[in-house]
């Protein structure tokens, strides 16, 4: 397994945000984490990266991570695209990309990686010398994902990548995530508010409720669970985005 966690906990004082969670992710998978607001999804990702203090066992590529600082986890190939993008708006597009490359010592690799991203995102290339604050919301999310890929990660964790985007831009961002797995073999751990679209992308799913895993299975098994239907699939019309992703997967 690429990543394994067992009896994993994140606490904030008396609040048990992540409670005895066990999960695993195989290389090349897209694994989605679903749940209502406050279920502990973001805390799980931040705990795995070491941003939040956590307890339990975590191994990555066969090595124990539990006592490693965040920078060491990034160096080993674990990265996070946080909710809200968190780009540095006062820096240029290219400077933001270079921030993601700090673990890399091979400068030729850094330059070739930046060129790859510019080829993939012409809008970013056109604005490479402009402050990142001039970008649209969708372009900022593309920049945040591009910045994370600069470290050549083995596992990318994404926290609500479509949050605040229009349905069209949301579909483009989620399709990019699918491309990263299909074309580059990147493993993805995805927290996504657009439940139906996440199920279109994912190979397996964990459902969190009040910090605990209450269900795990394939997207088909999750969809077939009547107790989850109203909680996660009934309140949001996300068929358009999911259909767009599905069309791309069959191209």
C-alpha atoms as a PDB file:
ATOM      1  CA  UNK A   1       0.000   0.000   0.000  1.00  0.00           C
ATOM      2  CA  UNK A   2       1.122   3.528  -0.693  1.00  0.00           C
ATOM      3  CA  UNK A   3      -0.440   4.961   2.470  1.00  0.00           C
ATOM      4  CA  UNK A   4      -1.921   3.224   5.505  1.00  0.00           C
ATOM      5  CA  UNK A   5      -3.387   4.745   8.641  1.00  0.00           C
ATOM      6  CA  UNK A   6      -4.691   2.852  11.658  1.00  0.00           C
ATOM      7  CA  UNK A   7      -6.414   4.094  14.805  1.00  0.00           C
ATOM      8  CA  UNK A   8      -5.829   7.642  13.554  1.00  0.00           C
ATOM      9  CA  UNK A   9      -7.046  10.512  15.738  1.00  0.00           C
ATOM     10  CA  UNK A  10      -7.078  14.305  15.590  1.00  0.00           C
ATOM     11  CA  UNK A  11      -8.297  16.266  18.609  1.00  0.00           C
ATOM     12  CA  UNK A  12      -8.940  19.954  19.221  1.00  0.00           C
ATOM     13  CA  UNK A  13      -9.279  20.172  22.971  1.00  0.00           C
ATOM     14  CA  UNK A  14     -12.337  18.141  23.888  1.00  0.00           C
ATOM     15  CA  UNK A  15     -13.430  17.824  20.245  1.00  0.00           C
ATOM     16  CA  UNK A  16     -12.543  14.468  18.686  1.00  0.00           C
ATOM     17  CA  UNK A  17     -12.448  15.626  15.045  1.00  0.00           C
ATOM     18  CA  UNK A  18     -11.016  12.355  13.670  1.00  0.00           C
ATOM     19  CA  UNK A  19     -11.867   9.318  15.750  1.00  0.00           C
ATOM     20  CA  UNK A  20     -10.068   5.973  15.357  1.00  0.00           C
ATOM     21  CA  UNK A  21     -10.005   6.159  11.563  1.00  0.00           C
ATOM     22  CA  UNK A  22      -8.292   3.389   9.608  1.00  0.00           C
ATOM     23  CA  UNK A  23      -7.795   3.662   5.863  1.00  0.00           C
ATOM     24  CA  UNK A  24      -5.486   2.566   3.071  1.00  0.00           C
ATOM     25  CA  UNK A  25      -4.681   3.849  -0.403  1.00  0.00           C
ATOM     26  CA  UNK A  26      -3.039   1.789  -3.116  1.00  0.00           C
ATOM     27  CA  UNK A  27      -0.741   3.318  -5.697  1.00  0.00           C
ATOM     28  CA  UNK A  28      -2.664   4.778  -8.652  1.00  0.00           C
ATOM     29  CA  UNK A  29      -6.032   4.941  -6.891  1.00  0.00           C
ATOM     30  CA  UNK A  30      -8.408   7.842  -6.497  1.00  0.00           C
ATOM     31  CA  UNK A  31      -9.964   7.507  -3.047  1.00  0.00           C
ATOM     32  CA  UNK A  32     -12.764   9.897  -2.050  1.00  0.00           C
ATOM     33  CA  UNK A  33     -13.663  10.933   1.489  1.00  0.00           C
ATOM     34  CA  UNK A  34     -17.301  12.007   1.824  1.00  0.00           C
ATOM     35  CA  UNK A  35     -19.285  13.404   4.714  1.00  0.00           C
ATOM     36  CA  UNK A  36     -21.322  16.334   5.913  1.00  0.00           C
ATOM     37  CA  UNK A  37     -19.784  19.596   7.107  1.00  0.00           C
ATOM     38  CA  UNK A  38     -17.975  18.977  10.382  1.00  0.00           C
ATOM     39  CA  UNK A  39     -17.461  15.273   9.702  1.00  0.00           C
ATOM     40  CA  UNK A  40     -13.678  15.604  10.084  1.00  0.00           C
ATOM     41  CA  UNK A  41     -12.645  15.415   6.418  1.00  0.00           C
ATOM     42  CA  UNK A  42     -10.285  18.408   6.380  1.00  0.00           C
ATOM     43  CA  UNK A  43      -8.873  17.476   9.776  1.00  0.00           C
ATOM     44  CA  UNK A  44      -8.079  14.017   8.412  1.00  0.00           C
ATOM     45  CA  UNK A  45      -6.049  15.419   5.501  1.00  0.00           C
ATOM     46  CA  UNK A  46      -4.263  17.972   7.670  1.00  0.00           C
ATOM     47  CA  UNK A  47      -3.485  15.317  10.260  1.00  0.00           C
ATOM     48  CA  UNK A  48      -2.038  12.972   7.641  1.00  0.00           C
ATOM     49  CA  UNK A  49       0.275  15.750   6.458  1.00  0.00           C
ATOM     50  CA  UNK A  50       1.272  16.595  10.029  1.00  0.00           C
ATOM     51  CA  UNK A  51      -0.197  20.115  10.011  1.00  0.00           C
ATOM     52  CA  UNK A  52      -2.507  19.107  12.872  1.00  0.00           C
ATOM     53  CA  UNK A  53      -1.249  17.096  15.822  1.00  0.00           C
ATOM     54  CA  UNK A  54      -2.481  13.519  15.511  1.00  0.00           C
ATOM     55  CA  UNK A  55      -2.085  10.129  17.114  1.00  0.00           C
ATOM     56  CA  UNK A  56      -2.192   6.643  15.676  1.00  0.00           C
ATOM     57  CA  UNK A  57      -0.115   4.841  13.084  1.00  0.00           C
ATOM     58  CA  UNK A  58       0.619   6.233   9.612  1.00  0.00           C
ATOM     59  CA  UNK A  59       2.938   4.676   7.060  1.00  0.00           C
ATOM     60  CA  UNK A  60       3.783   5.985   3.612  1.00  0.00           C
ATOM     61  CA  UNK A  61       5.610   3.895   1.035  1.00  0.00           C
ATOM     62  CA  UNK A  62       6.331   1.398   3.793  1.00  0.00           C
ATOM     63  CA  UNK A  63       7.945   3.926   6.148  1.00  0.00           C
ATOM     64  CA  UNK A  64       6.456   5.149   9.402  1.00  0.00           C
ATOM     65  CA  UNK A  65       5.339   8.790   9.242  1.00  0.00           C
ATOM     66  CA  UNK A  66       3.729   9.269  12.624  1.00  0.00           C
ATOM     67  CA  UNK A  67       6.651  11.220  14.133  1.00  0.00           C
ATOM     68  CA  UNK A  68       7.782  13.018  10.953  1.00  0.00           C
ATOM     69  CA  UNK A  69       7.364  16.800  10.567  1.00  0.00           C
ATOM     70  CA  UNK A  70       5.332  18.189   7.695  1.00  0.00           C
ATOM     71  CA  UNK A  71       8.321  19.155   5.535  1.00  0.00           C
ATOM     72  CA  UNK A  72       9.651  15.589   5.736  1.00  0.00           C
ATOM     73  CA  UNK A  73       6.284  14.177   4.629  1.00  0.00           C
ATOM     74  CA  UNK A  74       6.284  16.550   1.658  1.00  0.00           C
ATOM     75  CA  UNK A  75       9.842  15.533   0.799  1.00  0.00           C
ATOM     76  CA  UNK A  76       8.753  11.891   0.774  1.00  0.00           C
ATOM     77  CA  UNK A  77       5.979  12.647  -1.721  1.00  0.00           C
ATOM     78  CA  UNK A  78       2.830  13.532   0.259  1.00  0.00           C
ATOM     79  CA  UNK A  79       1.270  16.900  -0.611  1.00  0.00           C
ATOM     80  CA  UNK A  80      -1.946  18.787   0.123  1.00  0.00           C
ATOM     81  CA  UNK A  81      -3.942  21.228  -2.007  1.00  0.00           C
ATOM     82  CA  UNK A  82      -5.818  22.966   0.811  1.00  0.00           C
ATOM     83  CA  UNK A  83      -9.370  24.252   0.830  1.00  0.00           C
ATOM     84  CA  UNK A  84      -9.473  27.829  -0.415  1.00  0.00           C
ATOM     85  CA  UNK A  85      -6.411  27.347  -2.664  1.00  0.00           C
ATOM     86  CA  UNK A  86      -4.046  29.377  -0.379  1.00  0.00           C
ATOM     87  CA  UNK A  87      -1.956  30.746  -3.233  1.00  0.00           C
ATOM     88  CA  UNK A  88       0.197  33.796  -2.474  1.00  0.00           C
ATOM     89  CA  UNK A  89      -1.669  36.516  -4.345  1.00  0.00           C
ATOM     90  CA  UNK A  90       1.171  39.048  -4.100  1.00  0.00           C
ATOM     91  CA  UNK A  91       3.630  36.731  -5.853  1.00  0.00           C
ATOM     92  CA  UNK A  92       3.606  36.066  -9.574  1.00  0.00           C
ATOM     93  CA  UNK A  93       2.192  32.901 -11.081  1.00  0.00           C
ATOM     94  CA  UNK A  94       5.693  31.549 -11.665  1.00  0.00           C
ATOM     95  CA  UNK A  95       6.851  32.433  -8.157  1.00  0.00           C
ATOM     96  CA  UNK A  96       3.904  30.477  -6.760  1.00  0.00           C
ATOM     97  CA  UNK A  97       4.926  27.469  -8.832  1.00  0.00           C
ATOM     98  CA  UNK A  98       8.513  27.755  -7.623  1.00  0.00           C
ATOM     99  CA  UNK A  99       7.284  27.679  -4.018  1.00  0.00           C
ATOM    100  CA  UNK A 100       5.982  24.176  -4.686  1.00  0.00           C
ATOM    101  CA  UNK A 101       9.388  23.062  -5.960  1.00  0.00           C
ATOM    102  CA  UNK A 102      11.332  23.738  -2.755  1.00  0.00           C
ATOM    103  CA  UNK A 103      11.993  20.008  -2.061  1.00  0.00           C
ATOM    104  CA  UNK A 104      13.578  19.618  -5.524  1.00  0.00           C
ATOM    105  CA  UNK A 105      17.318  20.063  -5.985  1.00  0.00           C
ATOM    106  CA  UNK A 106      17.401  19.308  -9.720  1.00  0.00           C
ATOM    107  CA  UNK A 107      16.837  22.708 -11.339  1.00  0.00           C
ATOM    108  CA  UNK A 108      16.530  21.245 -14.830  1.00  0.00           C
ATOM    109  CA  UNK A 109      13.642  19.137 -13.559  1.00  0.00           C
ATOM    110  CA  UNK A 110      12.046  22.242 -12.018  1.00  0.00           C
ATOM    111  CA  UNK A 111      12.217  24.167 -15.299  1.00  0.00           C
ATOM    112  CA  UNK A 112      10.887  21.262 -17.353  1.00  0.00           C
ATOM    113  CA  UNK A 113       8.054  20.803 -14.858  1.00  0.00           C
ATOM    114  CA  UNK A 114       7.098  24.468 -15.081  1.00  0.00           C
ATOM    115  CA  UNK A 115       7.094  24.252 -18.878  1.00  0.00           C
ATOM    116  CA  UNK A 116       4.897  21.156 -18.712  1.00  0.00           C
ATOM    117  CA  UNK A 117       2.390  23.091 -16.585  1.00  0.00           C
ATOM    118  CA  UNK A 118       2.459  26.065 -18.938  1.00  0.00           C
ATOM    119  CA  UNK A 119       1.799  23.743 -21.866  1.00  0.00           C
ATOM    120  CA  UNK A 120      -1.099  22.207 -19.925  1.00  0.00           C
ATOM    121  CA  UNK A 121      -2.481  25.579 -18.737  1.00  0.00           C
ATOM    122  CA  UNK A 122      -1.994  28.266 -21.422  1.00  0.00           C
ATOM    123  CA  UNK A 123      -3.818  30.839 -19.274  1.00  0.00           C
ATOM    124  CA  UNK A 124      -1.178  30.462 -16.578  1.00  0.00           C
ATOM    125  CA  UNK A 125       1.603  30.751 -19.148  1.00  0.00           C
ATOM    126  CA  UNK A 126       0.157  34.025 -20.438  1.00  0.00           C
ATOM    127  CA  UNK A 127       0.133  35.420 -16.888  1.00  0.00           C
ATOM    128  CA  UNK A 128       3.385  33.909 -15.618  1.00  0.00           C
ATOM    129  CA  UNK A 129       4.789  37.316 -14.678  1.00  0.00           C
ATOM    130  CA  UNK A 130       1.535  38.729 -13.293  1.00  0.00           C
ATOM    131  CA  UNK A 131       0.471  38.631  -9.627  1.00  0.00           C
ATOM    132  CA  UNK A 132      -1.549  35.497  -8.883  1.00  0.00           C
ATOM    133  CA  UNK A 133      -4.286  37.721  -7.469  1.00  0.00           C
ATOM    134  CA  UNK A 134      -5.376  38.683 -11.003  1.00  0.00           C
ATOM    135  CA  UNK A 135      -6.367  35.097 -11.813  1.00  0.00           C
ATOM    136  CA  UNK A 136      -9.968  33.909 -11.821  1.00  0.00           C
ATOM    137  CA  UNK A 137     -11.112  31.429  -9.183  1.00  0.00           C
ATOM    138  CA  UNK A 138     -10.745  28.513 -11.568  1.00  0.00           C
ATOM    139  CA  UNK A 139      -7.283  29.639 -12.667  1.00  0.00           C
ATOM    140  CA  UNK A 140      -6.223  30.021  -9.045  1.00  0.00           C
ATOM    141  CA  UNK A 141      -7.318  26.455  -8.363  1.00  0.00           C
ATOM    142  CA  UNK A 142      -5.366  25.239 -11.400  1.00  0.00           C
ATOM    143  CA  UNK A 143      -2.344  27.150 -10.049  1.00  0.00           C
ATOM    144  CA  UNK A 144      -2.756  25.566  -6.603  1.00  0.00           C
ATOM    145  CA  UNK A 145      -2.867  22.086  -8.143  1.00  0.00           C
ATOM    146  CA  UNK A 146       0.052  22.912 -10.430  1.00  0.00           C
ATOM    147  CA  UNK A 147       2.070  24.189  -7.459  1.00  0.00           C
ATOM    148  CA  UNK A 148       1.461  20.900  -5.642  1.00  0.00           C
ATOM    149  CA  UNK A 149       2.665  18.860  -8.632  1.00  0.00           C
ATOM    150  CA  UNK A 150       5.976  20.762  -8.703  1.00  0.00           C
ATOM    151  CA  UNK A 151       7.269  18.576  -5.865  1.00  0.00           C
ATOM    152  CA  UNK A 152       6.664  15.440  -7.994  1.00  0.00           C
ATOM    153  CA  UNK A 153       4.382  13.935  -5.341  1.00  0.00           C
ATOM    154  CA  UNK A 154       3.393  10.306  -5.056  1.00  0.00           C
ATOM    155  CA  UNK A 155       0.107  11.106  -3.281  1.00  0.00           C
ATOM    156  CA  UNK A 156      -1.846  14.334  -3.681  1.00  0.00           C
ATOM    157  CA  UNK A 157      -4.562  15.171  -1.171  1.00  0.00           C
ATOM    158  CA  UNK A 158      -7.146  17.696  -2.362  1.00  0.00           C
ATOM    159  CA  UNK A 159      -9.533  19.467  -0.008  1.00  0.00           C
ATOM    160  CA  UNK A 160     -12.719  20.715  -1.723  1.00  0.00           C
ATOM    161  CA  UNK A 161     -11.075  21.613  -5.059  1.00  0.00           C
ATOM    162  CA  UNK A 162     -14.356  22.707  -6.693  1.00  0.00           C
ATOM    163  CA  UNK A 163     -15.544  24.859  -3.788  1.00  0.00           C
ATOM    164  CA  UNK A 164     -16.858  28.230  -4.952  1.00  0.00           C
ATOM    165  CA  UNK A 165     -16.461  27.484  -8.660  1.00  0.00           C
ATOM    166  CA  UNK A 166     -19.108  27.564 -11.365  1.00  0.00           C
ATOM    167  CA  UNK A 167     -20.346  24.179 -12.641  1.00  0.00           C
ATOM    168  CA  UNK A 168     -18.226  24.569 -15.798  1.00  0.00           C
ATOM    169  CA  UNK A 169     -15.032  25.410 -13.915  1.00  0.00           C
ATOM    170  CA  UNK A 170     -15.793  22.734 -11.343  1.00  0.00           C
ATOM    171  CA  UNK A 171     -15.994  20.151 -14.133  1.00  0.00           C
ATOM    172  CA  UNK A 172     -12.670  21.361 -15.572  1.00  0.00           C
ATOM    173  CA  UNK A 173     -10.890  21.115 -12.222  1.00  0.00           C
ATOM    174  CA  UNK A 174     -12.245  17.654 -11.454  1.00  0.00           C
ATOM    175  CA  UNK A 175     -11.394  16.489 -14.978  1.00  0.00           C
ATOM    176  CA  UNK A 176      -7.829  17.719 -14.393  1.00  0.00           C
ATOM    177  CA  UNK A 177      -7.652  15.530 -11.284  1.00  0.00           C
ATOM    178  CA  UNK A 178      -8.708  12.550 -13.386  1.00  0.00           C
ATOM    179  CA  UNK A 179      -6.016  13.452 -15.954  1.00  0.00           C
ATOM    180  CA  UNK A 180      -3.328  13.516 -13.265  1.00  0.00           C
ATOM    181  CA  UNK A 181      -4.158   9.941 -12.356  1.00  0.00           C
ATOM    182  CA  UNK A 182      -4.635   8.649 -15.915  1.00  0.00           C
ATOM    183  CA  UNK A 183      -1.723  10.418 -17.589  1.00  0.00           C
ATOM    184  CA  UNK A 184       0.817  10.701 -14.767  1.00  0.00           C
ATOM    185  CA  UNK A 185      -0.138   7.825 -12.489  1.00  0.00           C
ATOM    186  CA  UNK A 186      -0.649  10.151  -9.530  1.00  0.00           C
ATOM    187  CA  UNK A 187      -2.481   8.746  -6.518  1.00  0.00           C
ATOM    188  CA  UNK A 188      -5.278  10.986  -5.215  1.00  0.00           C
ATOM    189  CA  UNK A 189      -7.035  11.343  -1.855  1.00  0.00           C
ATOM    190  CA  UNK A 190     -10.022  13.580  -2.570  1.00  0.00           C
ATOM    191  CA  UNK A 191     -12.349  15.482  -0.262  1.00  0.00           C
ATOM    192  CA  UNK A 192     -15.062  16.977  -2.454  1.00  0.00           C
ATOM    193  CA  UNK A 193     -18.414  18.658  -1.777  1.00  0.00           C
ATOM    194  CA  UNK A 194     -19.749  17.565  -5.164  1.00  0.00           C
ATOM    195  CA  UNK A 195     -20.633  14.046  -4.098  1.00  0.00           C
ATOM    196  CA  UNK A 196     -21.838  12.688  -7.426  1.00  0.00           C
ATOM    197  CA  UNK A 197     -18.783  14.007  -9.262  1.00  0.00           C
ATOM    198  CA  UNK A 198     -16.489  12.523  -6.609  1.00  0.00           C
ATOM    199  CA  UNK A 199     -18.168   9.158  -7.074  1.00  0.00           C
ATOM    200  CA  UNK A 200     -17.611   9.414 -10.832  1.00  0.00           C
ATOM    201  CA  UNK A 201     -13.869   9.812 -10.219  1.00  0.00           C
ATOM    202  CA  UNK A 202     -13.215   7.522  -7.283  1.00  0.00           C
ATOM    203  CA  UNK A 203     -12.166   3.877  -7.197  1.00  0.00           C
ATOM    204  CA  UNK A 204     -13.087   3.585  -3.515  1.00  0.00           C
ATOM    205  CA  UNK A 205     -14.877   5.737  -0.953  1.00  0.00           C
ATOM    206  CA  UNK A 206     -14.762   6.367   2.790  1.00  0.00           C
ATOM    207  CA  UNK A 207     -17.756   8.061   4.417  1.00  0.00           C
ATOM    208  CA  UNK A 208     -17.091   9.970   7.639  1.00  0.00           C
ATOM    209  CA  UNK A 209     -19.657  10.932  10.246  1.00  0.00           C
ATOM    210  CA  UNK A 210     -18.606  12.825  13.381  1.00  0.00           C
ATOM    211  CA  UNK A 211     -15.007  11.813  12.807  1.00  0.00           C
ATOM    212  CA  UNK A 212     -15.633   8.097  12.347  1.00  0.00           C
ATOM    213  CA  UNK A 213     -15.691   5.933   9.220  1.00  0.00           C
ATOM    214  CA  UNK A 214     -19.282   4.746   8.918  1.00  0.00           C
ATOM    215  CA  UNK A 215     -19.080   3.212   5.457  1.00  0.00           C
ATOM    216  CA  UNK A 216     -16.435   2.207   2.946  1.00  0.00           C
ATOM    217  CA  UNK A 217     -16.748   0.595  -0.446  1.00  0.00           C
ATOM    218  CA  UNK A 218     -16.819   1.167  -4.179  1.00  0.00           C
ATOM    219  CA  UNK A 219     -18.852   4.069  -5.603  1.00  0.00           C
ATOM    220  CA  UNK A 220     -21.525   1.587  -6.649  1.00  0.00           C
ATOM    221  CA  UNK A 221     -21.795   0.178  -3.143  1.00  0.00           C
ATOM    222  CA  UNK A 222     -21.990   3.665  -1.645  1.00  0.00           C
ATOM    223  CA  UNK A 223     -24.710   4.732  -4.076  1.00  0.00           C
ATOM    224  CA  UNK A 224     -26.698   1.583  -3.323  1.00  0.00           C
ATOM    225  CA  UNK A 225     -26.786   2.310   0.421  1.00  0.00           C
ATOM    226  CA  UNK A 226     -30.225   3.802   1.026  1.00  0.00           C
ATOM    227  CA  UNK A 227     -29.191   5.310   4.358  1.00  0.00           C
ATOM    228  CA  UNK A 228     -26.615   7.472   2.568  1.00  0.00           C
ATOM    229  CA  UNK A 229     -28.775   8.502  -0.376  1.00  0.00           C
ATOM    230  CA  UNK A 230     -30.694  11.327   1.301  1.00  0.00           C
ATOM    231  CA  UNK A 231     -27.747  12.483   3.412  1.00  0.00           C
ATOM    232  CA  UNK A 232     -25.269  12.922   0.584  1.00  0.00           C
ATOM    233  CA  UNK A 233     -26.919  12.599  -2.811  1.00  0.00           C
ATOM    234  CA  UNK A 234     -30.380  14.103  -2.520  1.00  0.00           C
ATOM    235  CA  UNK A 235     -29.754  17.759  -1.709  1.00  0.00           C
ATOM    236  CA  UNK A 236     -27.509  18.870  -4.573  1.00  0.00           C
ATOM    237  CA  UNK A 237     -28.015  18.644  -8.318  1.00  0.00           C
ATOM    238  CA  UNK A 238     -24.552  17.598  -9.481  1.00  0.00           C
ATOM    239  CA  UNK A 239     -25.439  15.401 -12.416  1.00  0.00           C
ATOM    240  CA  UNK A 240     -24.099  17.885 -14.988  1.00  0.00           C
ATOM    241  CA  UNK A 241     -20.592  17.931 -13.559  1.00  0.00           C
ATOM    242  CA  UNK A 242     -20.535  14.193 -13.054  1.00  0.00           C
ATOM    243  CA  UNK A 243     -21.701  13.580 -16.616  1.00  0.00           C
ATOM    244  CA  UNK A 244     -18.951  15.855 -17.957  1.00  0.00           C
ATOM    245  CA  UNK A 245     -16.312  13.860 -16.100  1.00  0.00           C
ATOM    246  CA  UNK A 246     -17.821  10.583 -17.244  1.00  0.00           C
ATOM    247  CA  UNK A 247     -17.629  11.698 -20.890  1.00  0.00           C
ATOM    248  CA  UNK A 248     -13.941  12.547 -20.496  1.00  0.00           C
ATOM    249  CA  UNK A 249     -13.182   9.158 -18.935  1.00  0.00           C
ATOM    250  CA  UNK A 250     -14.539   7.444 -22.035  1.00  0.00           C
ATOM    251  CA  UNK A 251     -12.763   9.644 -24.578  1.00  0.00           C
END
